[in-house]
Amino acid sequence: LDHNVNYLSSIETAPLVSGESEKDLSPKLSFVFFFPQSWERFFATFDDLLLRVAQYPKGKAMKYISLGLTAAVAIEFLMVLPIFLFIVGYDYLAAQFLYLAFVMALLSQIPKRFIWRYRPYMVKRGQKRASPKTSSFPSRAVACAVMYCYMIVDGDLFFSTDTEIQWWGYTILFLIPLLVSFARVNLGVHYPTDAIAGFGLGMLACVGGKGLFFVDDLICHCPTGPTGGICYGERFNVTAITPSNFRVPYITGGVLLAAQLLFLVCCLIRPLKFWVKSGTVFGFLFPPMAFRFMYLCPTSNFAYSLPSPYVHGTYSLPHWWDIVYAVVVCAIGLAGSIKLKSRKWWALAIFALYWAFFVGAILPWRLFSLGKEFKL
């Protein structure tokens, strides 16, 4: 047991997996703090027992099931969801999910960046069935699973007449993160305590995202008061933005873009180097945020806002071509995130490309398609 946990007392004596060098598996950034050895010893019995239990099922089928569960809760889908929802016109959910995704991206990266814990396979405490080389603590996949479950429940409350969470909502809130936890431990890339920490992180991110959305609602309220998140044109003395009176809110857009670029630069400069994927991550999150404040926030656009895309203010499904278009836009963005790897200051170019692409994809579609009333 001591052999399993003593690696934290010295990086040089870490019992690394065969075929991997110490340099390959050790943290490469400054200001990295190792997971406390006393905590490692305290949790060792619990972690090692559940590791053995979770890794007992083996074989290719089990590996692919675990990888599939991991892929299903990838943070990338979380980041493109607001874009999809803004395109099809579900602005209330889009704005809310945007802040949830933003808080998740920040909160999950902070411990990943500054706290280092060797993954189980790295120190021979677990079998190697996958080989990510980042810190084990906490499990971002589990945190994202919690947030996806919250979004499902919140979406159900939005579309239905229910005012309380149904029994199945509480069930999936614990069942799906539990399955994802099993998958991550089965792959040998997380300890059970990483999964528990990920669950807590996911709950905290949900609360934080909801809080930011509340602040957003206070900022973008209609002249007569808050309206549940979205204030459309042709309501409450707000002028509807149409192709004939369209104008770019240069001041709002310029301030937003400057603030977003400053935030991105702070994430990239030494010695912080907060996230090598900053250009891609915030390239997904900041464009819909800019769209929200520029074209669906009358207090920041001189009482101008896009009109409601719904019939008589009721929510209905968009046309199938709206959904196809939204899927294509999101797919292009995801494909680009695979091809465009952030390398040093290339992240700024990647961010600019994504910003222009996503704003350019959302605004014209809303202005010429969803800007008018539609029916099934």
Foldseek 3Di string as FASTA:
>chain_A
DCLLLVCVVDLVPQQFAPPDDSVQQDDDAPQAAEDDSVVCVVCVVVQLVVLCVLQPDDDPVLLVVLVVLLVVLDLLVLLLVLLLCLLQFVNLLSLLSLLLSVLLVVLVLVCQQHYADGFQNGRVSHPAQDDDRTGQAADSSLLSQLQVLVSVQVVCVVQDVDPDGDPVSVVSNPVSSVSNLSSCSNNRGYTNVNSVRSSVSSVVSSVRSNVVQVVQQQQQAAPVGGDSRFDAAPPNQFHAAAPVPDDWLCVLLVVLVVVLVVVLVVCQDPNNVSDLLSLLSVLSSSLVVSCCQGAGRCNSPVRYHQHRLEDPPDDDGGDPVSSVLSVVLSVVSVVVSVVDGRDRVVSVVSSVVSNCSSNVSSVVSCRPPSSYYDDD
